[in-house]
Amino acid sequence: MFGEFAAGRERARAELDAKPWLKEKVLRIAANEQGNNPAGTQGVLETLINRSVNRGTSIEKEARWHRSERGYYAEGSIGRGALENPRHRAVLEHSLERALAGSNITNYATDNASGNLARREESSGAFVPHVTINGEHFSHPGRAEPALRDRWQRQVYGAETARLAEEHAAKQAAKAPAERLADGEVAP
């Protein structure tokens, strides 16, 4: 993870460390959205963090229930029982740790939806699909939020440019001195 998305992971970790109750809520959101599916819960957590980066908000602001808090996530079971079950909790904790460490299985997605809502949002162009995991569609804003779509594109461009630059630097550093000379570079 690079650029603003990497910085967002660091901010998310600090916010969750400072607010243990929020970490519990975030884990319940992942459980509510994807049960104990490791990839699904990881994807939900990635998009929550990425959405906070894209919108310039906190994890607390993005981790709100739809009806009771006028937020993003449908209440469903509110993740009841998930954290109380040691195996389920372990899956959720692992998914959160992977997301905070910079996983990107959703390809920088900021949103998730399932069923008919996901199909409507994608077919209308409101959201641009990335990947589907365990029935959950991961996407970024399209026509629904053009300013956020444009910001997302700039953020991804910055992250990918930084990633490619780091990969290039690593390849250059791994070259043997003779190989560098053969490529016309100055020997170290």
N, C-alpha and C. Protein backbone atom coordinates (compact mmCIF):
# COMPACT_ATOMS: atom_id res chain seq x y z
N MET A 1 0.86 -1.17 0.00
CA MET A 1 0.00 0.00 0.00
C MET A 1 0.90 1.23 0.00
N PHE A 2 0.56 2.20 -0.81
CA PHE A 2 1.39 3.38 -0.98
C PHE A 2 0.54 4.64 -0.96
N GLY A 3 1.20 5.77 -0.94
CA GLY A 3 0.54 7.07 -1.03
C GLY A 3 -0.44 7.34 0.08
N GLU A 4 -1.51 8.02 -0.28
CA GLU A 4 -2.53 8.38 0.72
C GLU A 4 -3.17 7.15 1.36
N PHE A 5 -3.24 6.06 0.61
CA PHE A 5 -3.84 4.85 1.16
C PHE A 5 -2.96 4.27 2.27
N ALA A 6 -1.65 4.32 2.10
CA ALA A 6 -0.73 3.85 3.15
C ALA A 6 -0.85 4.74 4.39
N ALA A 7 -0.88 6.02 4.18
CA ALA A 7 -1.03 6.95 5.30
C ALA A 7 -2.37 6.71 6.00
N GLY A 8 -3.39 6.39 5.23
CA GLY A 8 -4.70 6.10 5.81
C GLY A 8 -4.70 4.87 6.69
N ARG A 9 -3.89 3.87 6.31
CA ARG A 9 -3.77 2.66 7.14
C ARG A 9 -3.14 3.02 8.49
N GLU A 10 -2.12 3.86 8.46
CA GLU A 10 -1.46 4.28 9.71
C GLU A 10 -2.43 5.07 10.59
N ARG A 11 -3.18 6.00 9.99
CA ARG A 11 -4.16 6.76 10.76
C ARG A 11 -5.24 5.85 11.35
N ALA A 12 -5.69 4.88 10.54
CA ALA A 12 -6.72 3.95 11.02
C ALA A 12 -6.20 3.15 12.21
N ARG A 13 -4.97 2.65 12.13
CA ARG A 13 -4.41 1.88 13.24
C ARG A 13 -4.35 2.74 14.51
N ALA A 14 -3.89 3.98 14.37
CA ALA A 14 -3.79 4.86 15.53
C ALA A 14 -5.17 5.14 16.11
N GLU A 15 -6.15 5.38 15.26
CA GLU A 15 -7.51 5.67 15.74
C GLU A 15 -8.10 4.46 16.45
N LEU A 16 -7.92 3.27 15.89
CA LEU A 16 -8.47 2.07 16.51
C LEU A 16 -7.74 1.72 17.81
N ASP A 17 -6.44 1.97 17.85
CA ASP A 17 -5.69 1.74 19.10
C ASP A 17 -6.15 2.69 20.20
N ALA A 18 -6.49 3.91 19.81
CA ALA A 18 -6.92 4.91 20.80
C ALA A 18 -8.37 4.71 21.24
N LYS A 19 -9.15 3.98 20.44
CA LYS A 19 -10.57 3.79 20.73
C LYS A 19 -10.93 2.31 20.64
N PRO A 20 -10.64 1.54 21.67
CA PRO A 20 -10.93 0.10 21.63
C PRO A 20 -12.40 -0.22 21.30
N TRP A 21 -13.32 0.60 21.76
CA TRP A 21 -14.73 0.40 21.45
C TRP A 21 -14.99 0.49 19.95
N LEU A 22 -14.23 1.37 19.26
CA LEU A 22 -14.39 1.52 17.82
C LEU A 22 -13.86 0.29 17.09
N LYS A 23 -12.76 -0.24 17.57
CA LYS A 23 -12.22 -1.48 16.98
C LYS A 23 -13.27 -2.58 17.07
N GLU A 24 -13.92 -2.71 18.23
CA GLU A 24 -14.96 -3.72 18.40
C GLU A 24 -16.10 -3.48 17.40
N LYS A 25 -16.48 -2.25 17.23
CA LYS A 25 -17.57 -1.92 16.30
C LYS A 25 -17.18 -2.26 14.87
N VAL A 26 -15.95 -1.94 14.48
CA VAL A 26 -15.47 -2.23 13.13
C VAL A 26 -15.47 -3.74 12.88
N LEU A 27 -15.07 -4.51 13.87
CA LEU A 27 -15.09 -5.97 13.74
C LEU A 27 -16.53 -6.47 13.60
N ARG A 28 -17.45 -5.88 14.34
CA ARG A 28 -18.86 -6.27 14.24
C ARG A 28 -19.42 -5.91 12.86
N ILE A 29 -19.00 -4.79 12.31
CA ILE A 29 -19.44 -4.41 10.96
C ILE A 29 -18.98 -5.46 9.96
N ALA A 30 -17.71 -5.85 10.03
CA ALA A 30 -17.19 -6.86 9.11
C ALA A 30 -17.96 -8.17 9.25
N ALA A 31 -18.24 -8.57 10.49
CA ALA A 31 -19.00 -9.80 10.72
C ALA A 31 -20.42 -9.67 10.18
N ASN A 32 -21.03 -8.53 10.39
CA ASN A 32 -22.39 -8.30 9.92
C ASN A 32 -22.45 -8.36 8.39
N GLU A 33 -21.44 -7.84 7.74
CA GLU A 33 -21.41 -7.79 6.27
C GLU A 33 -21.03 -9.13 5.65
N GLN A 34 -20.08 -9.86 6.28
CA GLN A 34 -19.52 -11.04 5.63
C GLN A 34 -19.37 -12.26 6.52
N GLY A 35 -19.98 -12.25 7.69
CA GLY A 35 -19.90 -13.42 8.57
C GLY A 35 -18.48 -13.71 8.99
N ASN A 36 -18.03 -14.93 8.74
CA ASN A 36 -16.66 -15.28 9.10
C ASN A 36 -15.84 -15.65 7.87
N ASN A 37 -16.22 -15.14 6.72
CA ASN A 37 -15.46 -15.37 5.49
C ASN A 37 -14.21 -14.50 5.53
N PRO A 38 -13.01 -15.09 5.57
CA PRO A 38 -11.79 -14.30 5.73
C PRO A 38 -11.59 -13.24 4.65
N ALA A 39 -11.74 -13.62 3.39
CA ALA A 39 -11.53 -12.64 2.31
C ALA A 39 -12.63 -11.58 2.31
N GLY A 40 -13.87 -12.00 2.56
CA GLY A 40 -14.97 -11.05 2.59
C GLY A 40 -14.83 -10.02 3.69
N THR A 41 -14.49 -10.48 4.89
CA THR A 41 -14.33 -9.54 6.01
C THR A 41 -13.14 -8.62 5.78
N GLN A 42 -12.08 -9.17 5.20
CA GLN A 42 -10.91 -8.33 4.89
C GLN A 42 -11.29 -7.27 3.87
N GLY A 43 -12.05 -7.65 2.86
CA GLY A 43 -12.48 -6.68 1.86
C GLY A 43 -13.34 -5.57 2.45
N VAL A 44 -14.25 -5.94 3.33
CA VAL A 44 -15.11 -4.93 3.98
C VAL A 44 -14.25 -3.94 4.77
N LEU A 45 -13.27 -4.46 5.48
CA LEU A 45 -12.40 -3.59 6.29
C LEU A 45 -11.51 -2.72 5.41
N GLU A 46 -11.02 -3.26 4.32
CA GLU A 46 -10.25 -2.43 3.37
C GLU A 46 -11.09 -1.28 2.86
N THR A 47 -12.32 -1.57 2.44
CA THR A 47 -13.14 -0.50 1.86
C THR A 47 -13.51 0.55 2.90
N LEU A 48 -13.73 0.12 4.13
CA LEU A 48 -14.03 1.09 5.19
C LEU A 48 -12.85 2.07 5.33
N ILE A 49 -11.65 1.53 5.40
CA ILE A 49 -10.46 2.39 5.54
C ILE A 49 -10.27 3.24 4.28
N ASN A 50 -10.39 2.61 3.11
CA ASN A 50 -10.21 3.36 1.85
C ASN A 50 -11.24 4.48 1.70
N ARG A 51 -12.47 4.22 2.14
CA ARG A 51 -13.51 5.26 2.06
C ARG A 51 -13.14 6.44 2.94
N SER A 52 -12.58 6.16 4.12
CA SER A 52 -12.18 7.27 4.99
C SER A 52 -11.05 8.07 4.34
N VAL A 53 -10.16 7.40 3.64
CA VAL A 53 -9.07 8.09 2.92
C VAL A 53 -9.67 8.93 1.80
N ASN A 54 -10.52 8.32 1.01
CA ASN A 54 -11.10 9.03 -0.14
C ASN A 54 -11.93 10.23 0.28
N ARG A 55 -12.65 10.12 1.36
CA ARG A 55 -13.52 11.20 1.82
C ARG A 55 -12.84 12.16 2.78
N GLY A 56 -11.63 11.78 3.24
CA GLY A 56 -10.92 12.64 4.19
C GLY A 56 -11.59 12.66 5.56
N THR A 57 -12.14 11.51 5.97
CA THR A 57 -12.85 11.43 7.24
C THR A 57 -12.14 10.42 8.16
N SER A 58 -12.72 10.22 9.31
CA SER A 58 -12.18 9.27 10.29
C SER A 58 -12.83 7.90 10.12
N ILE A 59 -12.23 6.91 10.75
CA ILE A 59 -12.84 5.58 10.79
C ILE A 59 -14.15 5.67 11.57
N GLU A 60 -14.16 6.41 12.64
CA GLU A 60 -15.38 6.55 13.43
C GLU A 60 -16.54 7.09 12.59
N LYS A 61 -16.27 8.06 11.76
CA LYS A 61 -17.35 8.62 10.92
C LYS A 61 -17.84 7.60 9.88
N GLU A 62 -16.92 6.82 9.33
CA GLU A 62 -17.31 5.86 8.30
C GLU A 62 -17.95 4.60 8.88
N ALA A 63 -17.67 4.28 10.14
CA ALA A 63 -18.17 3.06 10.77
C ALA A 63 -19.47 3.35 11.52
N ARG A 64 -20.49 3.74 10.77
CA ARG A 64 -21.77 4.04 11.40
C ARG A 64 -22.86 3.16 10.80
N TRP A 65 -23.81 2.80 11.66
CA TRP A 65 -24.96 2.01 11.21
C TRP A 65 -25.94 2.91 10.46
N HIS A 66 -26.58 2.35 9.46
CA HIS A 66 -27.44 3.12 8.56
C HIS A 66 -28.63 3.77 9.27
N ARG A 67 -29.46 2.97 9.89
CA ARG A 67 -30.69 3.53 10.48
C ARG A 67 -30.43 4.31 11.76
N SER A 68 -29.73 3.71 12.68
CA SER A 68 -29.59 4.34 14.00
C SER A 68 -28.59 5.49 14.03
N GLU A 69 -27.63 5.49 13.10
CA GLU A 69 -26.60 6.53 13.13
C GLU A 69 -26.49 7.30 11.80
N ARG A 70 -27.43 7.05 10.90
CA ARG A 70 -27.44 7.71 9.59
C ARG A 70 -26.11 7.48 8.86
N GLY A 71 -25.65 6.23 8.90
CA GLY A 71 -24.36 5.89 8.32
C GLY A 71 -24.46 4.97 7.12
N TYR A 72 -23.40 4.26 6.88
CA TYR A 72 -23.19 3.47 5.68
C TYR A 72 -23.71 2.04 5.80
N TYR A 73 -23.54 1.42 6.94
CA TYR A 73 -23.76 -0.03 7.07
C TYR A 73 -25.15 -0.39 7.58
N ALA A 74 -25.82 -1.30 6.85
CA ALA A 74 -27.11 -1.82 7.27
C ALA A 74 -26.92 -2.60 8.57
N GLU A 75 -27.87 -2.45 9.48
CA GLU A 75 -27.73 -3.04 10.80
C GLU A 75 -27.69 -4.56 10.78
N GLY A 76 -28.59 -5.21 10.08
CA GLY A 76 -28.62 -6.67 10.10
C GLY A 76 -28.59 -7.18 11.52
N SER A 77 -27.67 -8.08 11.81
CA SER A 77 -27.54 -8.63 13.17
C SER A 77 -26.60 -7.80 14.03
N ILE A 78 -26.01 -6.76 13.45
CA ILE A 78 -25.03 -5.91 14.11
C ILE A 78 -23.86 -6.74 14.63
N GLY A 79 -23.60 -7.85 13.96
CA GLY A 79 -22.47 -8.69 14.33
C GLY A 79 -22.59 -9.38 15.68
N ARG A 80 -23.83 -9.53 16.16
CA ARG A 80 -24.03 -10.17 17.47
C ARG A 80 -23.46 -11.58 17.48
N GLY A 81 -22.75 -11.90 18.53
CA GLY A 81 -22.19 -13.23 18.71
C GLY A 81 -20.84 -13.44 18.06
N ALA A 82 -20.48 -12.61 17.10
CA ALA A 82 -19.23 -12.81 16.36
C ALA A 82 -18.00 -12.65 17.25
N LEU A 83 -17.97 -11.62 18.05
CA LEU A 83 -16.79 -11.36 18.86
C LEU A 83 -16.75 -12.26 20.09
N GLU A 84 -17.88 -12.81 20.43
CA GLU A 84 -17.96 -13.69 21.58
C GLU A 84 -17.50 -15.12 21.24
N ASN A 85 -17.47 -15.44 19.95
CA ASN A 85 -17.01 -16.75 19.49
C ASN A 85 -15.51 -16.64 19.17
N PRO A 86 -14.65 -17.35 19.91
CA PRO A 86 -13.20 -17.20 19.71
C PRO A 86 -12.72 -17.45 18.28
N ARG A 87 -13.27 -18.44 17.61
CA ARG A 87 -12.85 -18.72 16.23
C ARG A 87 -13.26 -17.61 15.27
N HIS A 88 -14.51 -17.16 15.42
CA HIS A 88 -15.00 -16.09 14.56
C HIS A 88 -14.21 -14.81 14.82
N ARG A 89 -13.99 -14.51 16.08
CA ARG A 89 -13.23 -13.31 16.42
C ARG A 89 -11.82 -13.38 15.83
N ALA A 90 -11.19 -14.55 15.86
CA ALA A 90 -9.84 -14.71 15.31
C ALA A 90 -9.82 -14.40 13.81
N VAL A 91 -10.85 -14.82 13.08
CA VAL A 91 -10.94 -14.51 11.65
C VAL A 91 -11.03 -12.99 11.46
N LEU A 92 -11.88 -12.36 12.25
CA LEU A 92 -12.08 -10.91 12.14
C LEU A 92 -10.82 -10.14 12.50
N GLU A 93 -10.17 -10.54 13.57
CA GLU A 93 -8.92 -9.88 14.00
C GLU A 93 -7.85 -10.02 12.91
N HIS A 94 -7.75 -11.21 12.33
CA HIS A 94 -6.76 -11.44 11.26
C HIS A 94 -7.09 -10.58 10.04
N SER A 95 -8.34 -10.49 9.69
CA SER A 95 -8.76 -9.67 8.55
C SER A 95 -8.42 -8.20 8.79
N LEU A 96 -8.68 -7.72 10.00
CA LEU A 96 -8.36 -6.33 10.33
C LEU A 96 -6.86 -6.10 10.27
N GLU A 97 -6.09 -7.02 10.83
CA GLU A 97 -4.64 -6.85 10.81
C GLU A 97 -4.11 -6.82 9.38
N ARG A 98 -4.62 -7.67 8.52
CA ARG A 98 -4.18 -7.66 7.11
C ARG A 98 -4.54 -6.33 6.44
N ALA A 99 -5.75 -5.85 6.69
CA ALA A 99 -6.16 -4.57 6.09
C ALA A 99 -5.28 -3.43 6.60
N LEU A 100 -5.03 -3.40 7.90
CA LEU A 100 -4.19 -2.34 8.47
C LEU A 100 -2.74 -2.44 7.98
N ALA A 101 -2.30 -3.65 7.66
CA ALA A 101 -0.93 -3.86 7.18
C ALA A 101 -0.77 -3.51 5.71
N GLY A 102 -1.88 -3.18 5.03
CA GLY A 102 -1.77 -2.72 3.65
C GLY A 102 -2.28 -3.67 2.60
N SER A 103 -3.10 -4.65 2.97
CA SER A 103 -3.65 -5.54 1.95
C SER A 103 -4.47 -4.74 0.95
N ASN A 104 -4.63 -5.31 -0.24
CA ASN A 104 -5.35 -4.59 -1.29
C ASN A 104 -6.11 -5.58 -2.18
N ILE A 105 -6.82 -6.51 -1.58
CA ILE A 105 -7.54 -7.51 -2.38
C ILE A 105 -8.72 -6.90 -3.13
N THR A 106 -9.15 -5.71 -2.73
CA THR A 106 -10.27 -5.04 -3.40
C THR A 106 -9.80 -4.02 -4.43
N ASN A 107 -8.49 -3.92 -4.63
CA ASN A 107 -7.94 -2.99 -5.62
C ASN A 107 -8.39 -1.55 -5.36
N TYR A 108 -8.16 -1.09 -4.13
CA TYR A 108 -8.44 0.28 -3.71
C TYR A 108 -9.93 0.62 -3.65
N ALA A 109 -10.80 -0.39 -3.59
CA ALA A 109 -12.24 -0.11 -3.53
C ALA A 109 -12.58 0.69 -2.28
N THR A 110 -13.61 1.52 -2.41
CA THR A 110 -14.06 2.35 -1.30
C THR A 110 -15.47 1.99 -0.83
N ASP A 111 -16.14 1.16 -1.58
CA ASP A 111 -17.54 0.86 -1.29
C ASP A 111 -17.81 -0.62 -1.45
N ASN A 112 -18.84 -1.09 -0.79
CA ASN A 112 -19.28 -2.47 -0.94
C ASN A 112 -20.80 -2.54 -0.88
N ALA A 113 -21.33 -3.49 -1.62
CA ALA A 113 -22.77 -3.72 -1.64
C ALA A 113 -22.99 -5.14 -2.12
N SER A 114 -24.21 -5.63 -1.94
CA SER A 114 -24.52 -6.98 -2.41
C SER A 114 -25.91 -6.99 -3.02
N GLY A 115 -26.23 -8.12 -3.62
CA GLY A 115 -27.56 -8.35 -4.17
C GLY A 115 -27.98 -7.35 -5.23
N ASN A 116 -29.29 -7.04 -5.21
CA ASN A 116 -29.86 -6.14 -6.21
C ASN A 116 -29.28 -4.73 -6.12
N LEU A 117 -28.97 -4.27 -4.93
CA LEU A 117 -28.39 -2.93 -4.79
C LEU A 117 -27.07 -2.86 -5.55
N ALA A 118 -26.21 -3.84 -5.39
CA ALA A 118 -24.93 -3.85 -6.09
C ALA A 118 -25.15 -3.87 -7.60
N ARG A 119 -26.06 -4.72 -8.07
CA ARG A 119 -26.32 -4.81 -9.51
C ARG A 119 -26.85 -3.49 -10.08
N ARG A 120 -27.76 -2.84 -9.35
CA ARG A 120 -28.28 -1.55 -9.81
C ARG A 120 -27.19 -0.49 -9.86
N GLU A 121 -26.38 -0.42 -8.79
CA GLU A 121 -25.32 0.60 -8.74
C GLU A 121 -24.30 0.40 -9.86
N GLU A 122 -23.96 -0.84 -10.15
CA GLU A 122 -22.98 -1.12 -11.19
C GLU A 122 -23.56 -0.90 -12.58
N SER A 123 -24.78 -1.38 -12.82
CA SER A 123 -25.37 -1.25 -14.16
C SER A 123 -25.68 0.21 -14.51
N SER A 124 -25.95 1.03 -13.52
CA SER A 124 -26.25 2.44 -13.78
C SER A 124 -24.97 3.28 -13.92
N GLY A 125 -23.83 2.70 -13.53
CA GLY A 125 -22.58 3.46 -13.56
C GLY A 125 -22.38 4.31 -12.31
N ALA A 126 -23.30 4.20 -11.36
CA ALA A 126 -23.16 4.98 -10.13
C ALA A 126 -21.87 4.60 -9.41
N PHE A 127 -21.54 3.29 -9.45
CA PHE A 127 -20.30 2.80 -8.86
C PHE A 127 -19.60 1.91 -9.87
N VAL A 128 -18.28 1.93 -9.85
CA VAL A 128 -17.46 1.16 -10.78
C VAL A 128 -16.99 -0.11 -10.06
N PRO A 129 -17.37 -1.29 -10.59
CA PRO A 129 -17.02 -2.53 -9.90
C PRO A 129 -15.53 -2.87 -9.98
N HIS A 130 -15.04 -3.49 -8.92
CA HIS A 130 -13.65 -3.97 -8.88
C HIS A 130 -13.61 -5.48 -8.85
N VAL A 131 -14.18 -6.06 -7.79
CA VAL A 131 -14.10 -7.50 -7.56
C VAL A 131 -15.31 -7.91 -6.72
N THR A 132 -15.72 -9.16 -6.87
CA THR A 132 -16.79 -9.71 -6.05
C THR A 132 -16.19 -10.83 -5.21
N ILE A 133 -16.41 -10.76 -3.90
CA ILE A 133 -15.91 -11.77 -2.97
C ILE A 133 -17.07 -12.23 -2.11
N ASN A 134 -17.36 -13.52 -2.15
CA ASN A 134 -18.40 -14.09 -1.31
C ASN A 134 -19.74 -13.35 -1.47
N GLY A 135 -20.07 -12.98 -2.70
CA GLY A 135 -21.32 -12.29 -2.98
C GLY A 135 -21.31 -10.79 -2.74
N GLU A 136 -20.22 -10.28 -2.19
CA GLU A 136 -20.10 -8.85 -1.90
C GLU A 136 -19.37 -8.18 -3.06
N HIS A 137 -19.95 -7.11 -3.58
CA HIS A 137 -19.35 -6.36 -4.69
C HIS A 137 -18.57 -5.19 -4.13
N PHE A 138 -17.32 -5.07 -4.52
CA PHE A 138 -16.45 -3.99 -4.06
C PHE A 138 -16.22 -3.04 -5.23
N SER A 139 -16.33 -1.73 -4.98
CA SER A 139 -16.33 -0.75 -6.06
C SER A 139 -15.78 0.59 -5.58
N HIS A 140 -15.75 1.54 -6.53
CA HIS A 140 -15.44 2.93 -6.18
C HIS A 140 -16.49 3.82 -6.83
N PRO A 141 -16.61 5.08 -6.37
CA PRO A 141 -17.63 5.96 -6.92
C PRO A 141 -17.48 6.17 -8.42
N GLY A 142 -18.61 6.20 -9.07
CA GLY A 142 -18.66 6.50 -10.50
C GLY A 142 -19.48 7.77 -10.69
N ARG A 143 -20.55 7.66 -11.46
CA ARG A 143 -21.40 8.83 -11.72
C ARG A 143 -22.12 9.33 -10.48
N ALA A 144 -22.28 8.49 -9.48
CA ALA A 144 -23.02 8.89 -8.27
C ALA A 144 -22.31 10.02 -7.53
N GLU A 145 -20.99 9.99 -7.53
CA GLU A 145 -20.21 10.98 -6.79
C GLU A 145 -18.97 11.36 -7.60
N PRO A 146 -19.15 12.21 -8.61
CA PRO A 146 -18.03 12.51 -9.52
C PRO A 146 -16.81 13.13 -8.82
N ALA A 147 -17.01 13.95 -7.82
CA ALA A 147 -15.87 14.56 -7.13
C ALA A 147 -15.06 13.49 -6.40
N LEU A 148 -15.76 12.55 -5.75
CA LEU A 148 -15.07 11.46 -5.06
C LEU A 148 -14.42 10.50 -6.06
N ARG A 149 -15.08 10.29 -7.20
CA ARG A 149 -14.50 9.46 -8.26
C ARG A 149 -13.19 10.07 -8.73
N ASP A 150 -13.20 11.37 -9.00
CA ASP A 150 -11.99 12.04 -9.49
C ASP A 150 -10.89 12.03 -8.44
N ARG A 151 -11.27 12.25 -7.19
CA ARG A 151 -10.28 12.20 -6.12
C ARG A 151 -9.69 10.78 -6.00
N TRP A 152 -10.56 9.76 -6.09
CA TRP A 152 -10.11 8.37 -6.03
C TRP A 152 -9.10 8.10 -7.15
N GLN A 153 -9.39 8.57 -8.35
CA GLN A 153 -8.47 8.35 -9.46
C GLN A 153 -7.11 8.98 -9.19
N ARG A 154 -7.09 10.18 -8.65
CA ARG A 154 -5.82 10.84 -8.31
C ARG A 154 -5.09 10.06 -7.20
N GLN A 155 -5.84 9.60 -6.21
CA GLN A 155 -5.23 8.86 -5.11
C GLN A 155 -4.62 7.54 -5.61
N VAL A 156 -5.32 6.83 -6.46
CA VAL A 156 -4.81 5.57 -6.99
C VAL A 156 -3.60 5.82 -7.88
N TYR A 157 -3.66 6.86 -8.69
CA TYR A 157 -2.51 7.20 -9.54
C TYR A 157 -1.28 7.47 -8.69
N GLY A 158 -1.44 8.23 -7.62
CA GLY A 158 -0.32 8.53 -6.72
C GLY A 158 0.21 7.27 -6.06
N ALA A 159 -0.69 6.40 -5.61
CA ALA A 159 -0.28 5.16 -4.95
C ALA A 159 0.45 4.24 -5.92
N GLU A 160 -0.08 4.09 -7.11
CA GLU A 160 0.54 3.20 -8.10
C GLU A 160 1.86 3.76 -8.61
N THR A 161 1.97 5.07 -8.75
CA THR A 161 3.24 5.68 -9.15
C THR A 161 4.30 5.43 -8.09
N ALA A 162 3.95 5.58 -6.83
CA ALA A 162 4.89 5.32 -5.74
C ALA A 162 5.27 3.84 -5.69
N ARG A 163 4.30 2.95 -5.92
CA ARG A 163 4.59 1.51 -5.92
C ARG A 163 5.56 1.16 -7.03
N LEU A 164 5.32 1.67 -8.23
CA LEU A 164 6.21 1.37 -9.36
C LEU A 164 7.60 1.94 -9.15
N ALA A 165 7.69 3.12 -8.57
CA ALA A 165 9.00 3.72 -8.31
C ALA A 165 9.77 2.88 -7.30
N GLU A 166 9.08 2.39 -6.27
CA GLU A 166 9.76 1.55 -5.27
C GLU A 166 10.21 0.22 -5.89
N GLU A 167 9.37 -0.37 -6.72
CA GLU A 167 9.76 -1.62 -7.39
C GLU A 167 10.97 -1.40 -8.29
N HIS A 168 10.98 -0.29 -9.03
CA HIS A 168 12.10 0.01 -9.91
C HIS A 168 13.38 0.21 -9.10
N ALA A 169 13.29 0.94 -8.01
CA ALA A 169 14.47 1.17 -7.16
C ALA A 169 15.00 -0.14 -6.60
N ALA A 170 14.10 -1.04 -6.21
CA ALA A 170 14.52 -2.34 -5.67
C ALA A 170 15.22 -3.16 -6.74
N LYS A 171 14.70 -3.13 -7.96
CA LYS A 171 15.34 -3.87 -9.06
C LYS A 171 16.72 -3.30 -9.36
N GLN A 172 16.81 -1.98 -9.36
CA GLN A 172 18.11 -1.35 -9.62
C GLN A 172 19.11 -1.70 -8.53
N ALA A 173 18.68 -1.69 -7.30
CA ALA A 173 19.58 -1.99 -6.18
C ALA A 173 20.04 -3.44 -6.20
N ALA A 174 19.22 -4.32 -6.77
CA ALA A 174 19.56 -5.75 -6.81
C ALA A 174 20.53 -6.10 -7.93
N LYS A 175 20.74 -5.18 -8.86
CA LYS A 175 21.66 -5.46 -9.98
C LYS A 175 23.09 -5.59 -9.47
N ALA A 176 23.80 -6.53 -10.05
CA ALA A 176 25.23 -6.69 -9.75
C ALA A 176 26.00 -5.56 -10.42
N PRO A 177 27.17 -5.19 -9.87
CA PRO A 177 27.96 -4.10 -10.48
C PRO A 177 28.25 -4.31 -11.96
N ALA A 178 28.57 -5.52 -12.38
CA ALA A 178 28.86 -5.78 -13.80
C ALA A 178 27.63 -5.53 -14.66
N GLU A 179 26.47 -5.90 -14.14
CA GLU A 179 25.21 -5.69 -14.87
C GLU A 179 24.94 -4.19 -15.01
N ARG A 180 25.25 -3.43 -13.96
CA ARG A 180 25.06 -1.98 -14.02
C ARG A 180 25.96 -1.37 -15.09
N LEU A 181 27.19 -1.80 -15.12
CA LEU A 181 28.12 -1.29 -16.14
C LEU A 181 27.64 -1.64 -17.53
N ALA A 182 27.13 -2.86 -17.72
CA ALA A 182 26.63 -3.29 -19.02
C ALA A 182 25.43 -2.46 -19.45
N ASP A 183 24.66 -1.98 -18.48
CA ASP A 183 23.50 -1.14 -18.78
C ASP A 183 23.86 0.33 -18.93
N GLY A 184 25.17 0.62 -18.86
CA GLY A 184 25.62 2.00 -19.04
C GLY A 184 25.52 2.84 -17.80
N GLU A 185 25.33 2.21 -16.63
CA GLU A 185 25.24 2.95 -15.38
C GLU A 185 26.64 3.09 -14.77
N VAL A 186 26.78 4.03 -13.90
CA VAL A 186 28.03 4.24 -13.17
C VAL A 186 28.13 3.18 -12.09
N ALA A 187 29.30 2.57 -11.97
CA ALA A 187 29.52 1.56 -10.94
C ALA A 187 29.48 2.19 -9.55
N PRO A 188 28.98 1.46 -8.56
CA PRO A 188 28.89 2.01 -7.20
C PRO A 188 30.26 2.19 -6.57
